Amino acid sequence: MKPKKRKTSYFGAMINPDHFHKSQIKFYIILVPLLLLMASPIVFILNHAFKPLDELYAYPPRFFATRFTFDNFRQLIAATEQTGIPFGRYFFNSVLSASSVIILSLLLASLAAYAFSFLDFKLKKWIFAANQVAIMFVAVAVAVPRYIMMNTLGVTNSFLAHIVPLIAMPVGVFLVKQFMDQIPRELYDAARIDGANKFQIYRMIVLPLVKPALATIAILAFQSAWNNTETSSLFISDETLKTLPYYFSTLTLGTSSIAAQGISAAASLIIFVPNIILFIILQKNVMNTMAHSGLK
């Protein structure tokens, strides 16, 4: 039996080889430097958090730490002990608010996208156009009306202040709708003929097919909630309800400028690590979203 002849690409490289092939060298020459360039900020943040103070203030600045130390983290823990609110309380608030924002954002974005893709109702095009316009507004531009609405709803100075402003994600609705538009309408009609109601179609047929988009929305929702300091500073006065990023932003105010640099480096790493871990876990789905979000 003759061995199966493998196809080659336009550039002469073998497509999906079982092992390394010399034709792939040209791609590694380009991709490896790009990988090093993109990974350099992550490596710098990791090294910066473990630098001693003399290396933090060294001139010219050093990219790598020559002497790793945990002094910055010890100073961070010591600073938390001087406050009336324990570190664990801020951490719990951040985890709970971020988890709530992820769940509610996914639910609202998927339900809205399902309605725009499969259901017919009045003013459908106008409402979706309003969603597209909302993508253009940054948080600073809507800070005043957002505060007025939060105050009217009566959720200021409560834990809901961390959740309500962040669960509406216009970009999430857009991305999920792009994926749902690719689902054949015949699949929806067949499920209706088999007796499935609209919610059953949404839960059992549509949601499994748009998992890549949902993973992307989960990352965006987590980043907006985990890194958020706006709600703690604008909507909440009770210190026990504030989150970890806001707490870290105020930690350096009561310390000397020299010690503050080390504390900031350690705090930045703690805030950064969950973001990169979540992205690594869901990166395959994110790449699928970027590849298919523009297809019809």
C-alpha atoms as a PDB file:
ATOM      1  CA  MET A   1       0.000   0.000   0.000  1.00  0.00           C
ATOM      2  CA  LYS A   2       1.434   3.346  -1.056  1.00  0.00           C
ATOM      3  CA  PRO A   3       1.969   5.942   1.695  1.00  0.00           C
ATOM      4  CA  LYS A   4      -0.489   8.789   1.686  1.00  0.00           C
ATOM      5  CA  LYS A   5       0.896  11.842  -0.046  1.00  0.00           C
ATOM      6  CA  ARG A   6       0.620  14.929   2.114  1.00  0.00           C
ATOM      7  CA  LYS A   7      -0.470  18.272   0.770  1.00  0.00           C
ATOM      8  CA  THR A   8       1.763  21.313   0.798  1.00  0.00           C
ATOM      9  CA  SER A   9       0.820  24.961   1.214  1.00  0.00           C
ATOM     10  CA  TYR A  10       1.434  27.844  -1.185  1.00  0.00           C
ATOM     11  CA  PHE A  11       4.751  28.526   0.586  1.00  0.00           C
ATOM     12  CA  GLY A  12       5.954  24.947   0.148  1.00  0.00           C
ATOM     13  CA  ALA A  13       5.410  23.923   3.778  1.00  0.00           C
ATOM     14  CA  MET A  14       3.820  20.571   4.513  1.00  0.00           C
ATOM     15  CA  ILE A  15       0.283  20.863   5.919  1.00  0.00           C
ATOM     16  CA  ASN A  16      -0.226  19.166   9.322  1.00  0.00           C
ATOM     17  CA  PRO A  17       2.943  16.994   9.313  1.00  0.00           C
ATOM     18  CA  ASP A  18       3.260  14.261  11.933  1.00  0.00           C
ATOM     19  CA  HIS A  19       6.721  15.534  12.929  1.00  0.00           C
ATOM     20  CA  PHE A  20       8.873  18.590  12.413  1.00  0.00           C
ATOM     21  CA  HIS A  21       9.566  19.280   8.747  1.00  0.00           C
ATOM     22  CA  LYS A  22      12.367  21.445   7.403  1.00  0.00           C
ATOM     23  CA  SER A  23       9.874  23.461   5.366  1.00  0.00           C
ATOM     24  CA  GLN A  24       8.537  24.890   8.653  1.00  0.00           C
ATOM     25  CA  ILE A  25      11.803  26.641   9.533  1.00  0.00           C
ATOM     26  CA  LYS A  26      10.788  29.800   7.687  1.00  0.00           C
ATOM     27  CA  PHE A  27       7.732  30.139   9.927  1.00  0.00           C
ATOM     28  CA  TYR A  28       9.703  29.616  13.138  1.00  0.00           C
ATOM     29  CA  ILE A  29      12.119  32.362  12.083  1.00  0.00           C
ATOM     30  CA  ILE A  30       9.196  34.788  12.056  1.00  0.00           C
ATOM     31  CA  LEU A  31       7.061  33.405  14.894  1.00  0.00           C
ATOM     32  CA  VAL A  32       9.734  32.904  17.563  1.00  0.00           C
ATOM     33  CA  PRO A  33      10.838  36.603  17.638  1.00  0.00           C
ATOM     34  CA  LEU A  34       7.163  37.640  17.726  1.00  0.00           C
ATOM     35  CA  LEU A  35       6.583  35.255  20.630  1.00  0.00           C
ATOM     36  CA  LEU A  36       9.498  36.717  22.578  1.00  0.00           C
ATOM     37  CA  LEU A  37       8.296  40.252  21.914  1.00  0.00           C
ATOM     38  CA  MET A  38       4.738  39.530  23.069  1.00  0.00           C
ATOM     39  CA  ALA A  39       5.866  37.565  26.130  1.00  0.00           C
ATOM     40  CA  SER A  40       8.295  40.256  27.300  1.00  0.00           C
ATOM     41  CA  PRO A  41       5.673  42.330  29.244  1.00  0.00           C
ATOM     42  CA  ILE A  42       4.578  39.221  31.151  1.00  0.00           C
ATOM     43  CA  VAL A  43       8.166  38.301  31.984  1.00  0.00           C
ATOM     44  CA  PHE A  44       8.856  41.862  33.108  1.00  0.00           C
ATOM     45  CA  ILE A  45       5.840  41.960  35.466  1.00  0.00           C
ATOM     46  CA  LEU A  46       6.894  38.649  37.024  1.00  0.00           C
ATOM     47  CA  ASN A  47      10.495  39.793  37.519  1.00  0.00           C
ATOM     48  CA  HIS A  48       9.519  43.277  38.682  1.00  0.00           C
ATOM     49  CA  ALA A  49       7.453  41.934  41.590  1.00  0.00           C
ATOM     50  CA  PHE A  50      10.425  39.968  42.968  1.00  0.00           C
ATOM     51  CA  LYS A  51      13.090  42.663  42.631  1.00  0.00           C
ATOM     52  CA  PRO A  52      14.670  44.118  45.775  1.00  0.00           C
ATOM     53  CA  LEU A  53      14.363  47.864  46.257  1.00  0.00           C
ATOM     54  CA  ASP A  54      17.852  48.623  44.964  1.00  0.00           C
ATOM     55  CA  GLU A  55      16.997  46.923  41.662  1.00  0.00           C
ATOM     56  CA  LEU A  56      13.607  48.604  41.447  1.00  0.00           C
ATOM     57  CA  TYR A  57      15.373  51.984  41.504  1.00  0.00           C
ATOM     58  CA  ALA A  58      18.417  50.923  39.495  1.00  0.00           C
ATOM     59  CA  TYR A  59      19.452  53.107  36.555  1.00  0.00           C
ATOM     60  CA  PRO A  60      19.424  52.088  33.800  1.00  0.00           C
ATOM     61  CA  PRO A  61      16.391  49.915  34.623  1.00  0.00           C
ATOM     62  CA  ARG A  62      16.954  46.178  34.660  1.00  0.00           C
ATOM     63  CA  PHE A  63      14.601  43.869  32.804  1.00  0.00           C
ATOM     64  CA  PHE A  64      15.444  40.723  34.808  1.00  0.00           C
ATOM     65  CA  ALA A  65      15.838  40.432  38.559  1.00  0.00           C
ATOM     66  CA  THR A  66      19.309  39.321  39.599  1.00  0.00           C
ATOM     67  CA  ARG A  67      18.330  38.694  43.240  1.00  0.00           C
ATOM     68  CA  PHE A  68      14.814  37.352  43.764  1.00  0.00           C
ATOM     69  CA  THR A  69      13.182  38.372  47.029  1.00  0.00           C
ATOM     70  CA  PHE A  70       9.751  38.166  48.665  1.00  0.00           C
ATOM     71  CA  ASP A  71      10.223  41.440  50.562  1.00  0.00           C
ATOM     72  CA  ASN A  72       7.680  43.253  48.385  1.00  0.00           C
ATOM     73  CA  PHE A  73       4.998  40.714  49.275  1.00  0.00           C
ATOM     74  CA  ARG A  74       5.966  40.851  52.960  1.00  0.00           C
ATOM     75  CA  GLN A  75       5.582  44.641  52.917  1.00  0.00           C
ATOM     76  CA  LEU A  76       2.224  44.229  51.183  1.00  0.00           C
ATOM     77  CA  ILE A  77       1.000  41.846  53.890  1.00  0.00           C
ATOM     78  CA  ALA A  78       2.366  44.130  56.616  1.00  0.00           C
ATOM     79  CA  ALA A  79       0.486  47.082  55.110  1.00  0.00           C
ATOM     80  CA  THR A  80      -2.776  45.138  55.125  1.00  0.00           C
ATOM     81  CA  GLU A  81      -2.394  44.395  58.828  1.00  0.00           C
ATOM     82  CA  GLN A  82      -2.394  48.114  59.609  1.00  0.00           C
ATOM     83  CA  THR A  83      -5.923  48.581  58.259  1.00  0.00           C
ATOM     84  CA  GLY A  84      -9.161  47.810  60.045  1.00  0.00           C
ATOM     85  CA  ILE A  85     -10.454  45.668  57.184  1.00  0.00           C
ATOM     86  CA  PRO A  86      -8.680  42.330  56.583  1.00  0.00           C
ATOM     87  CA  PHE A  87      -7.154  41.535  53.222  1.00  0.00           C
ATOM     88  CA  GLY A  88      -9.442  38.517  52.838  1.00  0.00           C
ATOM     89  CA  ARG A  89     -12.524  40.741  52.869  1.00  0.00           C
ATOM     90  CA  TYR A  90     -11.368  42.742  49.851  1.00  0.00           C
ATOM     91  CA  PHE A  91     -10.369  39.550  48.074  1.00  0.00           C
ATOM     92  CA  PHE A  92     -13.762  37.950  48.773  1.00  0.00           C
ATOM     93  CA  ASN A  93     -15.570  41.029  47.439  1.00  0.00           C
ATOM     94  CA  SER A  94     -13.544  40.928  44.231  1.00  0.00           C
ATOM     95  CA  VAL A  95     -14.066  37.204  43.635  1.00  0.00           C
ATOM     96  CA  LEU A  96     -17.799  37.360  44.350  1.00  0.00           C
ATOM     97  CA  SER A  97     -18.405  40.456  42.225  1.00  0.00           C
ATOM     98  CA  ALA A  98     -16.327  39.120  39.302  1.00  0.00           C
ATOM     99  CA  SER A  99     -18.109  35.745  39.404  1.00  0.00           C
ATOM    100  CA  SER A 100     -21.522  37.415  39.508  1.00  0.00           C
ATOM    101  CA  VAL A 101     -20.655  39.736  36.623  1.00  0.00           C
ATOM    102  CA  ILE A 102     -19.429  36.820  34.477  1.00  0.00           C
ATOM    103  CA  ILE A 103     -22.573  34.732  35.036  1.00  0.00           C
ATOM    104  CA  LEU A 104     -25.039  37.579  34.534  1.00  0.00           C
ATOM    105  CA  SER A 105     -23.162  39.018  31.548  1.00  0.00           C
ATOM    106  CA  LEU A 106     -23.167  35.654  29.791  1.00  0.00           C
ATOM    107  CA  LEU A 107     -26.856  35.184  30.527  1.00  0.00           C
ATOM    108  CA  LEU A 108     -27.937  38.639  29.350  1.00  0.00           C
ATOM    109  CA  ALA A 109     -25.661  38.729  26.287  1.00  0.00           C
ATOM    110  CA  SER A 110     -26.730  35.270  25.097  1.00  0.00           C
ATOM    111  CA  LEU A 111     -30.433  35.929  25.659  1.00  0.00           C
ATOM    112  CA  ALA A 112     -30.288  39.273  23.865  1.00  0.00           C
ATOM    113  CA  ALA A 113     -28.293  37.809  20.973  1.00  0.00           C
ATOM    114  CA  TYR A 114     -30.761  34.907  20.722  1.00  0.00           C
ATOM    115  CA  ALA A 115     -33.648  37.351  20.472  1.00  0.00           C
ATOM    116  CA  PHE A 116     -31.897  39.429  17.795  1.00  0.00           C
ATOM    117  CA  SER A 117     -30.934  36.348  15.753  1.00  0.00           C
ATOM    118  CA  PHE A 118     -33.984  34.088  15.927  1.00  0.00           C
ATOM    119  CA  LEU A 119     -36.995  36.047  17.155  1.00  0.00           C
ATOM    120  CA  ASP A 120     -39.107  38.641  15.379  1.00  0.00           C
ATOM    121  CA  PHE A 121     -40.446  41.629  17.318  1.00  0.00           C
ATOM    122  CA  LYS A 122     -41.170  45.308  16.792  1.00  0.00           C
ATOM    123  CA  LEU A 123     -38.268  47.777  16.682  1.00  0.00           C
ATOM    124  CA  LYS A 124     -35.801  44.899  16.471  1.00  0.00           C
ATOM    125  CA  LYS A 125     -33.447  46.705  14.087  1.00  0.00           C
ATOM    126  CA  TRP A 126     -33.618  49.952  16.053  1.00  0.00           C
ATOM    127  CA  ILE A 127     -32.845  48.281  19.363  1.00  0.00           C
ATOM    128  CA  PHE A 128     -29.880  46.437  17.867  1.00  0.00           C
ATOM    129  CA  ALA A 129     -28.674  49.712  16.331  1.00  0.00           C
ATOM    130  CA  ALA A 130     -28.856  51.275  19.813  1.00  0.00           C
ATOM    131  CA  ASN A 131     -26.713  48.402  21.091  1.00  0.00           C
ATOM    132  CA  GLN A 132     -24.142  49.135  18.391  1.00  0.00           C
ATOM    133  CA  VAL A 133     -24.098  52.838  19.297  1.00  0.00           C
ATOM    134  CA  ALA A 134     -23.559  51.951  22.962  1.00  0.00           C
ATOM    135  CA  ILE A 135     -20.261  50.256  22.052  1.00  0.00           C
ATOM    136  CA  MET A 136     -18.793  53.668  21.166  1.00  0.00           C
ATOM    137  CA  PHE A 137     -19.266  55.159  24.656  1.00  0.00           C
ATOM    138  CA  VAL A 138     -16.448  54.818  27.188  1.00  0.00           C
ATOM    139  CA  ALA A 139     -17.060  54.598  30.932  1.00  0.00           C
ATOM    140  CA  VAL A 140     -15.937  58.182  31.591  1.00  0.00           C
ATOM    141  CA  ALA A 141     -18.499  59.582  29.140  1.00  0.00           C
ATOM    142  CA  VAL A 142     -21.411  57.952  30.972  1.00  0.00           C
ATOM    143  CA  ALA A 143     -20.160  58.339  34.553  1.00  0.00           C
ATOM    144  CA  VAL A 144     -22.716  61.008  35.525  1.00  0.00           C
ATOM    145  CA  PRO A 145     -25.826  59.381  34.016  1.00  0.00           C
ATOM    146  CA  ARG A 146     -24.662  56.038  35.384  1.00  0.00           C
ATOM    147  CA  TYR A 147     -24.440  57.480  38.897  1.00  0.00           C
ATOM    148  CA  ILE A 148     -27.905  59.041  38.542  1.00  0.00           C
ATOM    149  CA  MET A 149     -29.355  55.703  37.446  1.00  0.00           C
ATOM    150  CA  MET A 150     -27.586  53.809  40.229  1.00  0.00           C
ATOM    151  CA  ASN A 151     -28.871  56.285  42.796  1.00  0.00           C
ATOM    152  CA  THR A 152     -32.387  56.049  41.362  1.00  0.00           C
ATOM    153  CA  LEU A 153     -32.307  52.250  41.589  1.00  0.00           C
ATOM    154  CA  GLY A 154     -31.130  52.520  45.195  1.00  0.00           C
ATOM    155  CA  VAL A 155     -28.120  50.237  44.817  1.00  0.00           C
ATOM    156  CA  THR A 156     -25.410  52.737  45.774  1.00  0.00           C
ATOM    157  CA  ASN A 157     -23.360  51.750  48.815  1.00  0.00           C
ATOM    158  CA  SER A 158     -24.419  48.124  48.394  1.00  0.00           C
ATOM    159  CA  PHE A 159     -22.794  45.064  46.895  1.00  0.00           C
ATOM    160  CA  LEU A 160     -25.034  45.356  43.833  1.00  0.00           C
ATOM    161  CA  ALA A 161     -23.106  48.495  42.879  1.00  0.00           C
ATOM    162  CA  HIS A 162     -20.248  46.223  41.773  1.00  0.00           C
ATOM    163  CA  ILE A 163     -22.545  44.165  39.551  1.00  0.00           C
ATOM    164  CA  VAL A 164     -25.306  46.296  38.001  1.00  0.00           C
ATOM    165  CA  PRO A 165     -23.102  48.721  35.968  1.00  0.00           C
ATOM    166  CA  LEU A 166     -21.010  45.911  34.449  1.00  0.00           C
ATOM    167  CA  ILE A 167     -23.491  43.221  33.413  1.00  0.00           C
ATOM    168  CA  ALA A 168     -24.666  45.050  30.276  1.00  0.00           C
ATOM    169  CA  MET A 169     -22.026  44.369  27.593  1.00  0.00           C
ATOM    170  CA  PRO A 170     -23.008  45.679  24.133  1.00  0.00           C
ATOM    171  CA  VAL A 171     -19.868  44.190  22.582  1.00  0.00           C
ATOM    172  CA  GLY A 172     -20.837  40.837  24.070  1.00  0.00           C
ATOM    173  CA  VAL A 173     -24.265  40.967  22.458  1.00  0.00           C
ATOM    174  CA  PHE A 174     -22.646  41.792  19.120  1.00  0.00           C
ATOM    175  CA  LEU A 175     -20.103  38.943  19.252  1.00  0.00           C
ATOM    176  CA  VAL A 176     -22.610  36.304  20.337  1.00  0.00           C
ATOM    177  CA  LYS A 177     -25.108  37.446  17.701  1.00  0.00           C
ATOM    178  CA  GLN A 178     -22.431  37.091  15.010  1.00  0.00           C
ATOM    179  CA  PHE A 179     -21.993  33.454  16.028  1.00  0.00           C
ATOM    180  CA  MET A 180     -25.725  32.784  16.257  1.00  0.00           C
ATOM    181  CA  ASP A 181     -26.268  34.239  12.783  1.00  0.00           C
ATOM    182  CA  GLN A 182     -24.101  31.405  11.430  1.00  0.00           C
ATOM    183  CA  ILE A 183     -26.400  28.720  12.852  1.00  0.00           C
ATOM    184  CA  PRO A 184     -28.639  27.394  10.049  1.00  0.00           C
ATOM    185  CA  ARG A 185     -32.194  28.592  10.375  1.00  0.00           C
ATOM    186  CA  GLU A 186     -33.319  25.096   9.335  1.00  0.00           C
ATOM    187  CA  LEU A 187     -31.909  23.757  12.617  1.00  0.00           C
ATOM    188  CA  TYR A 188     -34.116  26.163  14.554  1.00  0.00           C
ATOM    189  CA  ASP A 189     -37.181  25.291  12.451  1.00  0.00           C
ATOM    190  CA  ALA A 190     -36.557  21.550  12.841  1.00  0.00           C
ATOM    191  CA  ALA A 191     -36.427  21.903  16.620  1.00  0.00           C
ATOM    192  CA  ARG A 192     -39.707  23.834  16.571  1.00  0.00           C
ATOM    193  CA  ILE A 193     -41.336  21.085  14.498  1.00  0.00           C
ATOM    194  CA  ASP A 194     -40.103  18.483  17.005  1.00  0.00           C
ATOM    195  CA  GLY A 195     -41.969  20.354  19.734  1.00  0.00           C
ATOM    196  CA  ALA A 196     -39.137  22.263  21.442  1.00  0.00           C
ATOM    197  CA  ASN A 197     -40.052  25.652  22.844  1.00  0.00           C
ATOM    198  CA  LYS A 198     -37.918  28.760  22.409  1.00  0.00           C
ATOM    199  CA  PHE A 199     -36.102  28.384  25.715  1.00  0.00           C
ATOM    200  CA  GLN A 200     -35.299  24.714  25.054  1.00  0.00           C
ATOM    201  CA  ILE A 201     -33.838  25.636  21.664  1.00  0.00           C
ATOM    202  CA  TYR A 202     -31.778  28.377  23.321  1.00  0.00           C
ATOM    203  CA  ARG A 203     -30.458  26.102  26.082  1.00  0.00           C
ATOM    204  CA  MET A 204     -29.995  22.779  24.285  1.00  0.00           C
ATOM    205  CA  ILE A 205     -29.152  23.751  20.693  1.00  0.00           C
ATOM    206  CA  VAL A 206     -27.946  27.345  20.411  1.00  0.00           C
ATOM    207  CA  LEU A 207     -25.755  27.705  23.516  1.00  0.00           C
ATOM    208  CA  PRO A 208     -23.552  24.638  22.794  1.00  0.00           C
ATOM    209  CA  LEU A 209     -22.851  26.021  19.310  1.00  0.00           C
ATOM    210  CA  VAL A 210     -21.665  29.448  20.527  1.00  0.00           C
ATOM    211  CA  LYS A 211     -19.284  28.337  23.296  1.00  0.00           C
ATOM    212  CA  PRO A 212     -16.256  30.128  21.752  1.00  0.00           C
ATOM    213  CA  ALA A 213     -18.095  33.459  21.819  1.00  0.00           C
ATOM    214  CA  LEU A 214     -19.271  32.856  25.376  1.00  0.00           C
ATOM    215  CA  ALA A 215     -15.692  32.136  26.458  1.00  0.00           C
ATOM    216  CA  THR A 216     -14.570  35.452  24.978  1.00  0.00           C
ATOM    217  CA  ILE A 217     -17.356  37.293  26.784  1.00  0.00           C
ATOM    218  CA  ALA A 218     -16.365  35.575  30.031  1.00  0.00           C
ATOM    219  CA  ILE A 219     -12.824  36.922  29.702  1.00  0.00           C
ATOM    220  CA  LEU A 220     -14.009  40.447  28.901  1.00  0.00           C
ATOM    221  CA  ALA A 221     -16.494  40.408  31.778  1.00  0.00           C
ATOM    222  CA  PHE A 222     -13.877  39.116  34.216  1.00  0.00           C
ATOM    223  CA  GLN A 223     -11.374  41.783  33.225  1.00  0.00           C
ATOM    224  CA  SER A 224     -13.921  44.594  33.562  1.00  0.00           C
ATOM    225  CA  ALA A 225     -14.974  43.365  37.015  1.00  0.00           C
ATOM    226  CA  TRP A 226     -11.632  42.175  38.424  1.00  0.00           C
ATOM    227  CA  ASN A 227      -9.701  45.321  37.452  1.00  0.00           C
ATOM    228  CA  ASN A 228     -12.509  47.724  38.307  1.00  0.00           C
ATOM    229  CA  THR A 229     -11.908  50.536  40.806  1.00  0.00           C
ATOM    230  CA  GLU A 230     -14.676  52.862  39.613  1.00  0.00           C
ATOM    231  CA  THR A 231     -17.557  51.296  41.539  1.00  0.00           C
ATOM    232  CA  SER A 232     -15.642  51.291  44.834  1.00  0.00           C
ATOM    233  CA  SER A 233     -14.667  54.951  44.495  1.00  0.00           C
ATOM    234  CA  LEU A 234     -17.912  56.374  43.033  1.00  0.00           C
ATOM    235  CA  PHE A 235     -20.775  54.252  44.312  1.00  0.00           C
ATOM    236  CA  ILE A 236     -19.598  52.807  47.640  1.00  0.00           C
ATOM    237  CA  SER A 237     -18.623  54.509  50.895  1.00  0.00           C
ATOM    238  CA  ASP A 238     -18.667  51.429  53.145  1.00  0.00           C
ATOM    239  CA  GLU A 239     -15.068  50.197  53.314  1.00  0.00           C
ATOM    240  CA  THR A 240     -16.121  46.581  53.899  1.00  0.00           C
ATOM    241  CA  LEU A 241     -17.814  46.488  50.457  1.00  0.00           C
ATOM    242  CA  LYS A 242     -14.842  47.695  48.419  1.00  0.00           C
ATOM    243  CA  THR A 243     -12.747  45.447  46.182  1.00  0.00           C
ATOM    244  CA  LEU A 244      -9.131  44.383  45.932  1.00  0.00           C
ATOM    245  CA  PRO A 245      -8.005  46.676  43.054  1.00  0.00           C
ATOM    246  CA  TYR A 246      -9.319  49.740  44.880  1.00  0.00           C
ATOM    247  CA  TYR A 247      -7.644  48.553  48.066  1.00  0.00           C
ATOM    248  CA  PHE A 248      -4.323  48.148  46.276  1.00  0.00           C
ATOM    249  CA  SER A 249      -4.650  51.619  44.745  1.00  0.00           C
ATOM    250  CA  THR A 250      -4.940  53.142  48.226  1.00  0.00           C
ATOM    251  CA  LEU A 251      -2.282  50.996  49.931  1.00  0.00           C
ATOM    252  CA  THR A 252       0.629  53.079  48.669  1.00  0.00           C
ATOM    253  CA  LEU A 253      -0.853  56.354  49.950  1.00  0.00           C
ATOM    254  CA  GLY A 254       0.164  55.739  53.554  1.00  0.00           C
ATOM    255  CA  THR A 255       3.652  54.428  52.834  1.00  0.00           C
ATOM    256  CA  SER A 256       6.876  56.072  51.813  1.00  0.00           C
ATOM    257  CA  SER A 257       7.546  56.528  48.121  1.00  0.00           C
ATOM    258  CA  ILE A 258      10.420  54.024  48.284  1.00  0.00           C
ATOM    259  CA  ALA A 259       8.397  51.213  49.880  1.00  0.00           C
ATOM    260  CA  ALA A 260       5.384  52.068  47.703  1.00  0.00           C
ATOM    261  CA  GLN A 261       7.251  50.990  44.584  1.00  0.00           C
ATOM    262  CA  GLY A 262       7.759  47.466  45.895  1.00  0.00           C
ATOM    263  CA  ILE A 263       4.197  47.213  47.204  1.00  0.00           C
ATOM    264  CA  SER A 264       2.837  48.376  43.838  1.00  0.00           C
ATOM    265  CA  ALA A 265       4.929  45.779  41.999  1.00  0.00           C
ATOM    266  CA  ALA A 266       3.619  42.954  44.197  1.00  0.00           C
ATOM    267  CA  ALA A 267       0.032  44.185  43.984  1.00  0.00           C
ATOM    268  CA  SER A 268       0.228  44.473  40.199  1.00  0.00           C
ATOM    269  CA  LEU A 269       1.314  40.849  39.929  1.00  0.00           C
ATOM    270  CA  ILE A 270      -1.546  39.660  42.142  1.00  0.00           C
ATOM    271  CA  ILE A 271      -4.049  41.543  39.997  1.00  0.00           C
ATOM    272  CA  PHE A 272      -2.461  40.367  36.745  1.00  0.00           C
ATOM    273  CA  VAL A 273      -2.130  36.622  37.413  1.00  0.00           C
ATOM    274  CA  PRO A 274      -5.872  35.719  37.388  1.00  0.00           C
ATOM    275  CA  ASN A 275      -6.298  37.509  34.040  1.00  0.00           C
ATOM    276  CA  ILE A 276      -3.538  35.572  32.312  1.00  0.00           C
ATOM    277  CA  ILE A 277      -4.611  32.243  33.857  1.00  0.00           C
ATOM    278  CA  LEU A 278      -8.189  32.664  32.618  1.00  0.00           C
ATOM    279  CA  PHE A 279      -6.972  33.622  29.157  1.00  0.00           C
ATOM    280  CA  ILE A 280      -4.677  30.579  28.957  1.00  0.00           C
ATOM    281  CA  ILE A 281      -7.558  28.281  29.924  1.00  0.00           C
ATOM    282  CA  LEU A 282      -9.946  29.776  27.349  1.00  0.00           C
ATOM    283  CA  GLN A 283      -7.493  30.822  24.646  1.00  0.00           C
ATOM    284  CA  LYS A 284      -8.598  28.164  22.141  1.00  0.00           C
ATOM    285  CA  ASN A 285     -12.176  29.422  22.254  1.00  0.00           C
ATOM    286  CA  VAL A 286     -11.013  33.021  21.990  1.00  0.00           C
ATOM    287  CA  MET A 287      -9.055  32.268  18.833  1.00  0.00           C
ATOM    288  CA  ASN A 288     -12.116  30.582  17.331  1.00  0.00           C
ATOM    289  CA  THR A 289     -14.164  33.686  18.097  1.00  0.00           C
ATOM    290  CA  MET A 290     -11.705  35.977  16.375  1.00  0.00           C
ATOM    291  CA  ALA A 291     -11.624  33.687  13.338  1.00  0.00           C
ATOM    292  CA  HIS A 292     -15.377  33.365  12.908  1.00  0.00           C
ATOM    293  CA  SER A 293     -16.902  36.576  14.311  1.00  0.00           C
ATOM    294  CA  GLY A 294     -16.845  38.266  10.911  1.00  0.00           C
ATOM    295  CA  LEU A 295     -18.207  35.324   8.905  1.00  0.00           C
ATOM    296  CA  LYS A 296     -21.789  35.103   7.745  1.00  0.00           C
END
